[in-house]
Amino acid sequence: MFEILFADSECLVIDKPSGVSVLRDRSGQENLYVQVREQYPDAKLVHRLDKGTSGAFLLAKTDDFRKRASKQFENREIVKFYVAVVGGKFPMGKTYSINLPLRRGRKSRFRIAGLRSDIQASEHGWTIDSQDGLESITRVRALGHGPRRSLLLLKPQTGRTHQLRVHLAWIGHPIVGDLLYGPPKSASQSNTRLMLHSHRLILAAGYNFSSVLPAGFTEALQD
């Protein structure tokens, strides 16, 4: 089940558990939307989170709020922060920009619109000289290090499918537990869940929602 973080007459914010799909998938397991509508029959989807991602998840309770929130997502007016545990030692001390366009790849995967060898690293972040794909930008700051992993704060400035997972994997810091984009046989990649958490959502009109980082993130950082 799920924990309710906030509810009023217009919207509902829940603490989505990892491993539960928002909508029906091939597993046949009951999805999150069905569970939510058992308690809130008027709940309406506004955005999505990957099955493995946990944390703050917004739903509308009225058509008017759904339209307003959907427009804010579309116009990039909603500020989103995620926390992730990734492989490797990410540089500390400043916020970096990952500006790498995405395009659809094979078997429902997404990839950078260019060659990995063409990605250019600088003191400001990572870019690629490409006219293909969809603009995709992520701001990243390291919060701490473990023996072979890093804890990152992520701020996506665009909302592409799998954006955070692809960006981090292609610059050499795949999210721990990501067997789709990370190296599945790597010891530093091994975990029982995708270590990506929707930490905070900031909407217009004073809405500001946050979800506490799951306890397992601290342990995963130290592995």
C-alpha atoms as a PDB file:
ATOM      1  CA  MET A   1       0.000   0.000   0.000  1.00  0.00           C
ATOM      2  CA  PHE A   2       0.963   3.650   0.120  1.00  0.00           C
ATOM      3  CA  GLU A   3       1.220   6.523   2.587  1.00  0.00           C
ATOM      4  CA  ILE A   4      -0.722   9.752   2.053  1.00  0.00           C
ATOM      5  CA  LEU A   5       1.547  12.796   2.246  1.00  0.00           C
ATOM      6  CA  PHE A   6      -1.111  15.430   1.537  1.00  0.00           C
ATOM      7  CA  ALA A   7      -4.761  15.662   0.552  1.00  0.00           C
ATOM      8  CA  ASP A   8      -7.205  18.516   0.061  1.00  0.00           C
ATOM      9  CA  SER A   9     -10.246  19.133  -2.124  1.00  0.00           C
ATOM     10  CA  GLU A  10      -8.123  19.563  -5.278  1.00  0.00           C
ATOM     11  CA  CYS A  11      -5.218  17.154  -5.134  1.00  0.00           C
ATOM     12  CA  LEU A  12      -3.629  14.154  -3.485  1.00  0.00           C
ATOM     13  CA  VAL A  13       0.057  13.397  -2.924  1.00  0.00           C
ATOM     14  CA  ILE A  14       1.115   9.891  -1.979  1.00  0.00           C
ATOM     15  CA  ASP A  15       4.431   8.319  -1.057  1.00  0.00           C
ATOM     16  CA  LYS A  16       4.787   5.849  -3.914  1.00  0.00           C
ATOM     17  CA  PRO A  17       6.550   2.600  -2.977  1.00  0.00           C
ATOM     18  CA  SER A  18       9.292   1.205  -5.185  1.00  0.00           C
ATOM     19  CA  GLY A  19       8.415  -1.843  -7.273  1.00  0.00           C
ATOM     20  CA  VAL A  20       4.804  -0.848  -7.962  1.00  0.00           C
ATOM     21  CA  SER A  21       3.801   0.239 -11.464  1.00  0.00           C
ATOM     22  CA  VAL A  22       1.615   3.353 -11.780  1.00  0.00           C
ATOM     23  CA  LEU A  23      -0.447   1.674 -14.512  1.00  0.00           C
ATOM     24  CA  ARG A  24      -0.869  -1.915 -15.607  1.00  0.00           C
ATOM     25  CA  ASP A  25       2.281  -3.643 -16.851  1.00  0.00           C
ATOM     26  CA  ARG A  26       3.205  -7.113 -18.075  1.00  0.00           C
ATOM     27  CA  SER A  27       3.645  -8.499 -14.547  1.00  0.00           C
ATOM     28  CA  GLY A  28      -0.115  -8.625 -14.004  1.00  0.00           C
ATOM     29  CA  GLN A  29       0.309  -7.210 -10.490  1.00  0.00           C
ATOM     30  CA  GLU A  30      -2.217  -4.709  -9.174  1.00  0.00           C
ATOM     31  CA  ASN A  31      -1.071  -1.242 -10.161  1.00  0.00           C
ATOM     32  CA  LEU A  32      -0.870   1.876  -8.019  1.00  0.00           C
ATOM     33  CA  TYR A  33      -3.658   3.741  -9.802  1.00  0.00           C
ATOM     34  CA  VAL A  34      -6.126   0.945  -9.021  1.00  0.00           C
ATOM     35  CA  GLN A  35      -5.077   1.018  -5.362  1.00  0.00           C
ATOM     36  CA  VAL A  36      -5.462   4.791  -5.130  1.00  0.00           C
ATOM     37  CA  ARG A  37      -8.888   4.818  -6.759  1.00  0.00           C
ATOM     38  CA  GLU A  38     -10.174   2.283  -4.233  1.00  0.00           C
ATOM     39  CA  GLN A  39      -9.812   5.029  -1.605  1.00  0.00           C
ATOM     40  CA  TYR A  40     -10.164   8.075  -3.873  1.00  0.00           C
ATOM     41  CA  PRO A  41     -12.493   7.236  -6.800  1.00  0.00           C
ATOM     42  CA  ASP A  42     -12.115  10.749  -8.219  1.00  0.00           C
ATOM     43  CA  ALA A  43      -8.295  10.585  -8.424  1.00  0.00           C
ATOM     44  CA  LYS A  44      -6.818  11.469 -11.830  1.00  0.00           C
ATOM     45  CA  LEU A  45      -3.283  10.982 -13.128  1.00  0.00           C
ATOM     46  CA  VAL A  46      -1.170  14.079 -13.726  1.00  0.00           C
ATOM     47  CA  HIS A  47       2.300  12.582 -14.278  1.00  0.00           C
ATOM     48  CA  ARG A  48       4.146   9.248 -14.041  1.00  0.00           C
ATOM     49  CA  LEU A  49       6.990   7.684 -12.088  1.00  0.00           C
ATOM     50  CA  ASP A  50       8.921   4.587 -13.143  1.00  0.00           C
ATOM     51  CA  LYS A  51       7.966   1.336 -11.440  1.00  0.00           C
ATOM     52  CA  GLY A  52      11.211   1.238  -9.486  1.00  0.00           C
ATOM     53  CA  THR A  53      11.103   4.900  -8.405  1.00  0.00           C
ATOM     54  CA  SER A  54       9.686   5.748  -4.978  1.00  0.00           C
ATOM     55  CA  GLY A  55       8.557   9.002  -3.411  1.00  0.00           C
ATOM     56  CA  ALA A  56       6.229  11.963  -3.859  1.00  0.00           C
ATOM     57  CA  PHE A  57       3.582  11.316  -6.513  1.00  0.00           C
ATOM     58  CA  LEU A  58       0.875  13.854  -7.391  1.00  0.00           C
ATOM     59  CA  LEU A  59      -2.699  13.088  -8.441  1.00  0.00           C
ATOM     60  CA  ALA A  60      -5.595  15.445  -9.144  1.00  0.00           C
ATOM     61  CA  LYS A  61      -8.999  15.206  -7.484  1.00  0.00           C
ATOM     62  CA  THR A  62     -10.728  17.648  -9.846  1.00  0.00           C
ATOM     63  CA  ASP A  63     -10.630  18.157 -13.606  1.00  0.00           C
ATOM     64  CA  ASP A  64      -9.650  21.785 -13.108  1.00  0.00           C
ATOM     65  CA  PHE A  65      -6.603  20.918 -10.993  1.00  0.00           C
ATOM     66  CA  ARG A  66      -5.583  18.175 -13.431  1.00  0.00           C
ATOM     67  CA  LYS A  67      -5.642  20.649 -16.334  1.00  0.00           C
ATOM     68  CA  ARG A  68      -3.687  23.271 -14.382  1.00  0.00           C
ATOM     69  CA  ALA A  69      -1.074  20.820 -13.110  1.00  0.00           C
ATOM     70  CA  SER A  70      -0.694  19.132 -16.507  1.00  0.00           C
ATOM     71  CA  LYS A  71      -0.079  22.541 -18.062  1.00  0.00           C
ATOM     72  CA  GLN A  72       2.535  23.320 -15.422  1.00  0.00           C
ATOM     73  CA  PHE A  73       4.346  20.051 -16.154  1.00  0.00           C
ATOM     74  CA  GLU A  74       4.162  20.764 -19.884  1.00  0.00           C
ATOM     75  CA  ASN A  75       5.540  24.280 -19.419  1.00  0.00           C
ATOM     76  CA  ARG A  76       8.282  23.070 -17.039  1.00  0.00           C
ATOM     77  CA  GLU A  77       6.890  25.224 -14.252  1.00  0.00           C
ATOM     78  CA  ILE A  78       6.879  22.423 -11.676  1.00  0.00           C
ATOM     79  CA  VAL A  79      10.206  22.044  -9.878  1.00  0.00           C
ATOM     80  CA  LYS A  80      11.174  18.426  -9.206  1.00  0.00           C
ATOM     81  CA  PHE A  81      14.002  17.098  -7.063  1.00  0.00           C
ATOM     82  CA  TYR A  82      15.131  13.468  -6.929  1.00  0.00           C
ATOM     83  CA  VAL A  83      17.737  11.699  -4.827  1.00  0.00           C
ATOM     84  CA  ALA A  84      19.725   8.787  -6.233  1.00  0.00           C
ATOM     85  CA  VAL A  85      22.523   6.451  -5.216  1.00  0.00           C
ATOM     86  CA  VAL A  86      24.871   5.932  -8.168  1.00  0.00           C
ATOM     87  CA  GLY A  87      28.006   3.991  -8.909  1.00  0.00           C
ATOM     88  CA  GLY A  88      31.376   5.709  -8.700  1.00  0.00           C
ATOM     89  CA  LYS A  89      32.669   8.895  -7.072  1.00  0.00           C
ATOM     90  CA  PHE A  90      30.726  11.835  -8.518  1.00  0.00           C
ATOM     91  CA  PRO A  91      32.640  15.136  -8.192  1.00  0.00           C
ATOM     92  CA  MET A  92      31.748  17.190  -5.122  1.00  0.00           C
ATOM     93  CA  GLY A  93      31.572  20.915  -4.509  1.00  0.00           C
ATOM     94  CA  LYS A  94      29.298  22.325  -7.229  1.00  0.00           C
ATOM     95  CA  THR A  95      26.191  21.747  -9.333  1.00  0.00           C
ATOM     96  CA  TYR A  96      26.801  20.250 -12.765  1.00  0.00           C
ATOM     97  CA  SER A  97      24.630  20.225 -15.879  1.00  0.00           C
ATOM     98  CA  ILE A  98      23.986  17.147 -18.022  1.00  0.00           C
ATOM     99  CA  ASN A  99      22.792  18.529 -21.364  1.00  0.00           C
ATOM    100  CA  LEU A 100      22.430  15.440 -23.556  1.00  0.00           C
ATOM    101  CA  PRO A 101      19.473  15.051 -25.971  1.00  0.00           C
ATOM    102  CA  LEU A 102      17.592  11.747 -25.891  1.00  0.00           C
ATOM    103  CA  ARG A 103      16.066   9.583 -28.581  1.00  0.00           C
ATOM    104  CA  ARG A 104      14.222   6.282 -28.502  1.00  0.00           C
ATOM    105  CA  GLY A 105      16.419   3.211 -28.802  1.00  0.00           C
ATOM    106  CA  ARG A 106      15.683  -0.501 -29.095  1.00  0.00           C
ATOM    107  CA  LYS A 107      13.363  -2.584 -26.892  1.00  0.00           C
ATOM    108  CA  SER A 108      11.673   0.339 -25.080  1.00  0.00           C
ATOM    109  CA  ARG A 109      15.007   1.847 -24.117  1.00  0.00           C
ATOM    110  CA  PHE A 110      16.141   5.417 -24.599  1.00  0.00           C
ATOM    111  CA  ARG A 111      19.620   6.601 -25.469  1.00  0.00           C
ATOM    112  CA  ILE A 112      21.687   9.708 -26.010  1.00  0.00           C
ATOM    113  CA  ALA A 113      21.311  11.116 -29.531  1.00  0.00           C
ATOM    114  CA  GLY A 114      24.930  10.501 -30.441  1.00  0.00           C
ATOM    115  CA  LEU A 115      27.946   8.341 -29.643  1.00  0.00           C
ATOM    116  CA  ARG A 116      29.204   7.863 -26.102  1.00  0.00           C
ATOM    117  CA  SER A 117      32.678   8.825 -27.326  1.00  0.00           C
ATOM    118  CA  ASP A 118      31.309  12.207 -28.509  1.00  0.00           C
ATOM    119  CA  ILE A 119      30.126  13.282 -25.044  1.00  0.00           C
ATOM    120  CA  GLN A 120      32.212  16.244 -23.899  1.00  0.00           C
ATOM    121  CA  ALA A 121      32.999  16.699 -20.198  1.00  0.00           C
ATOM    122  CA  SER A 122      33.949  20.113 -18.808  1.00  0.00           C
ATOM    123  CA  GLU A 123      34.077  21.928 -15.487  1.00  0.00           C
ATOM    124  CA  HIS A 124      30.381  22.740 -15.962  1.00  0.00           C
ATOM    125  CA  GLY A 125      29.082  19.290 -16.881  1.00  0.00           C
ATOM    126  CA  TRP A 126      28.436  17.132 -19.930  1.00  0.00           C
ATOM    127  CA  THR A 127      27.289  18.095 -23.437  1.00  0.00           C
ATOM    128  CA  ILE A 128      27.294  16.614 -26.935  1.00  0.00           C
ATOM    129  CA  ASP A 129      27.384  18.236 -30.362  1.00  0.00           C
ATOM    130  CA  SER A 130      24.176  16.792 -31.829  1.00  0.00           C
ATOM    131  CA  GLN A 131      21.210  18.139 -33.749  1.00  0.00           C
ATOM    132  CA  ASP A 132      19.164  14.993 -33.141  1.00  0.00           C
ATOM    133  CA  GLY A 133      16.875  13.880 -30.321  1.00  0.00           C
ATOM    134  CA  LEU A 134      14.839  15.789 -27.771  1.00  0.00           C
ATOM    135  CA  GLU A 135      16.379  18.429 -25.526  1.00  0.00           C
ATOM    136  CA  SER A 136      17.114  16.845 -22.141  1.00  0.00           C
ATOM    137  CA  ILE A 137      18.771  18.695 -19.268  1.00  0.00           C
ATOM    138  CA  THR A 138      19.484  17.540 -15.706  1.00  0.00           C
ATOM    139  CA  ARG A 139      21.148  19.502 -12.910  1.00  0.00           C
ATOM    140  CA  VAL A 140      23.181  17.336 -10.518  1.00  0.00           C
ATOM    141  CA  ARG A 141      24.924  17.894  -7.192  1.00  0.00           C
ATOM    142  CA  ALA A 142      26.717  15.320  -5.036  1.00  0.00           C
ATOM    143  CA  LEU A 143      25.497  15.115  -1.439  1.00  0.00           C
ATOM    144  CA  GLY A 144      27.985  12.532  -0.221  1.00  0.00           C
ATOM    145  CA  HIS A 145      30.180   9.531  -0.978  1.00  0.00           C
ATOM    146  CA  GLY A 146      30.428   5.951   0.172  1.00  0.00           C
ATOM    147  CA  PRO A 147      33.315   3.560  -0.516  1.00  0.00           C
ATOM    148  CA  ARG A 148      32.334   3.096  -4.173  1.00  0.00           C
ATOM    149  CA  ARG A 149      29.051   4.987  -4.596  1.00  0.00           C
ATOM    150  CA  SER A 150      27.702   8.547  -4.458  1.00  0.00           C
ATOM    151  CA  LEU A 151      24.482  10.144  -3.201  1.00  0.00           C
ATOM    152  CA  LEU A 152      23.158  12.717  -5.671  1.00  0.00           C
ATOM    153  CA  LEU A 153      20.488  15.424  -5.718  1.00  0.00           C
ATOM    154  CA  LEU A 154      18.944  15.632  -9.195  1.00  0.00           C
ATOM    155  CA  LYS A 155      16.867  18.433 -10.686  1.00  0.00           C
ATOM    156  CA  PRO A 156      15.483  17.536 -14.141  1.00  0.00           C
ATOM    157  CA  GLN A 157      14.803  20.661 -16.161  1.00  0.00           C
ATOM    158  CA  THR A 158      13.060  18.647 -18.856  1.00  0.00           C
ATOM    159  CA  GLY A 159      10.782  15.650 -18.311  1.00  0.00           C
ATOM    160  CA  ARG A 160      11.823  12.978 -20.792  1.00  0.00           C
ATOM    161  CA  THR A 161      11.088   9.285 -20.233  1.00  0.00           C
ATOM    162  CA  HIS A 162      13.965   7.634 -18.301  1.00  0.00           C
ATOM    163  CA  GLN A 163      15.907  10.910 -18.491  1.00  0.00           C
ATOM    164  CA  LEU A 164      17.696  10.640 -15.146  1.00  0.00           C
ATOM    165  CA  ARG A 165      18.537   6.979 -15.639  1.00  0.00           C
ATOM    166  CA  VAL A 166      19.943   7.466 -19.147  1.00  0.00           C
ATOM    167  CA  HIS A 167      21.865  10.640 -18.339  1.00  0.00           C
ATOM    168  CA  LEU A 168      23.617   9.158 -15.331  1.00  0.00           C
ATOM    169  CA  ALA A 169      24.395   5.860 -17.050  1.00  0.00           C
ATOM    170  CA  TRP A 170      25.912   7.560 -20.099  1.00  0.00           C
ATOM    171  CA  ILE A 171      28.264   9.758 -18.058  1.00  0.00           C
ATOM    172  CA  GLY A 172      29.526   6.710 -16.162  1.00  0.00           C
ATOM    173  CA  HIS A 173      27.459   6.933 -12.951  1.00  0.00           C
ATOM    174  CA  PRO A 174      24.506   4.530 -13.401  1.00  0.00           C
ATOM    175  CA  ILE A 175      21.836   4.486 -10.718  1.00  0.00           C
ATOM    176  CA  VAL A 176      22.323   1.550  -8.371  1.00  0.00           C
ATOM    177  CA  GLY A 177      19.769  -1.183  -9.055  1.00  0.00           C
ATOM    178  CA  ASP A 178      19.121   0.002 -12.625  1.00  0.00           C
ATOM    179  CA  LEU A 179      19.479  -3.207 -14.612  1.00  0.00           C
ATOM    180  CA  LEU A 180      18.084  -1.623 -17.784  1.00  0.00           C
ATOM    181  CA  TYR A 181      20.734   1.071 -18.218  1.00  0.00           C
ATOM    182  CA  GLY A 182      23.457   0.052 -15.792  1.00  0.00           C
ATOM    183  CA  PRO A 183      25.863  -2.913 -16.092  1.00  0.00           C
ATOM    184  CA  PRO A 184      23.824  -5.773 -14.577  1.00  0.00           C
ATOM    185  CA  LYS A 185      26.833  -7.888 -13.594  1.00  0.00           C
ATOM    186  CA  SER A 186      28.675  -5.102 -11.787  1.00  0.00           C
ATOM    187  CA  ALA A 187      28.957  -5.598  -8.025  1.00  0.00           C
ATOM    188  CA  SER A 188      28.525  -1.865  -7.441  1.00  0.00           C
ATOM    189  CA  GLN A 189      25.240  -1.999  -9.374  1.00  0.00           C
ATOM    190  CA  SER A 190      23.638  -4.755  -7.303  1.00  0.00           C
ATOM    191  CA  ASN A 191      20.595  -3.854  -5.187  1.00  0.00           C
ATOM    192  CA  THR A 192      17.084  -5.101  -4.508  1.00  0.00           C
ATOM    193  CA  ARG A 193      15.497  -1.926  -5.913  1.00  0.00           C
ATOM    194  CA  LEU A 194      16.160   1.058  -8.176  1.00  0.00           C
ATOM    195  CA  MET A 195      17.820   3.637  -5.931  1.00  0.00           C
ATOM    196  CA  LEU A 196      15.907   6.636  -7.262  1.00  0.00           C
ATOM    197  CA  HIS A 197      13.515   8.640  -5.063  1.00  0.00           C
ATOM    198  CA  SER A 198      11.138  11.498  -5.906  1.00  0.00           C
ATOM    199  CA  HIS A 199      12.108  13.763  -3.018  1.00  0.00           C
ATOM    200  CA  ARG A 200      10.266  17.027  -3.662  1.00  0.00           C
ATOM    201  CA  LEU A 201       7.640  18.652  -5.911  1.00  0.00           C
ATOM    202  CA  ILE A 202       7.079  22.415  -5.992  1.00  0.00           C
ATOM    203  CA  LEU A 203       3.980  23.716  -7.799  1.00  0.00           C
ATOM    204  CA  ALA A 204       2.561  27.167  -8.338  1.00  0.00           C
ATOM    205  CA  ALA A 205       0.077  28.595  -5.814  1.00  0.00           C
ATOM    206  CA  GLY A 206       2.171  27.568  -2.826  1.00  0.00           C
ATOM    207  CA  TYR A 207       2.068  23.779  -3.167  1.00  0.00           C
ATOM    208  CA  ASN A 208       5.318  22.239  -1.891  1.00  0.00           C
ATOM    209  CA  PHE A 209       5.467  18.503  -1.228  1.00  0.00           C
ATOM    210  CA  SER A 210       8.326  16.323  -0.020  1.00  0.00           C
ATOM    211  CA  SER A 211       8.966  12.674   0.771  1.00  0.00           C
ATOM    212  CA  VAL A 212      11.551  11.525   3.304  1.00  0.00           C
ATOM    213  CA  LEU A 213      14.450   9.546   1.876  1.00  0.00           C
ATOM    214  CA  PRO A 214      13.934   5.812   2.502  1.00  0.00           C
ATOM    215  CA  ALA A 215      16.250   4.294   5.106  1.00  0.00           C
ATOM    216  CA  GLY A 216      17.731   1.871   2.569  1.00  0.00           C
ATOM    217  CA  PHE A 217      19.509   4.691   0.738  1.00  0.00           C
ATOM    218  CA  THR A 218      21.984   5.203   3.582  1.00  0.00           C
ATOM    219  CA  GLU A 219      22.821   1.513   3.685  1.00  0.00           C
ATOM    220  CA  ALA A 220      23.140   1.290  -0.112  1.00  0.00           C
ATOM    221  CA  LEU A 221      25.598   4.187  -0.139  1.00  0.00           C
ATOM    222  CA  GLN A 222      27.884   2.308   2.239  1.00  0.00           C
ATOM    223  CA  ASP A 223      27.922  -0.990   0.323  1.00  0.00           C
END
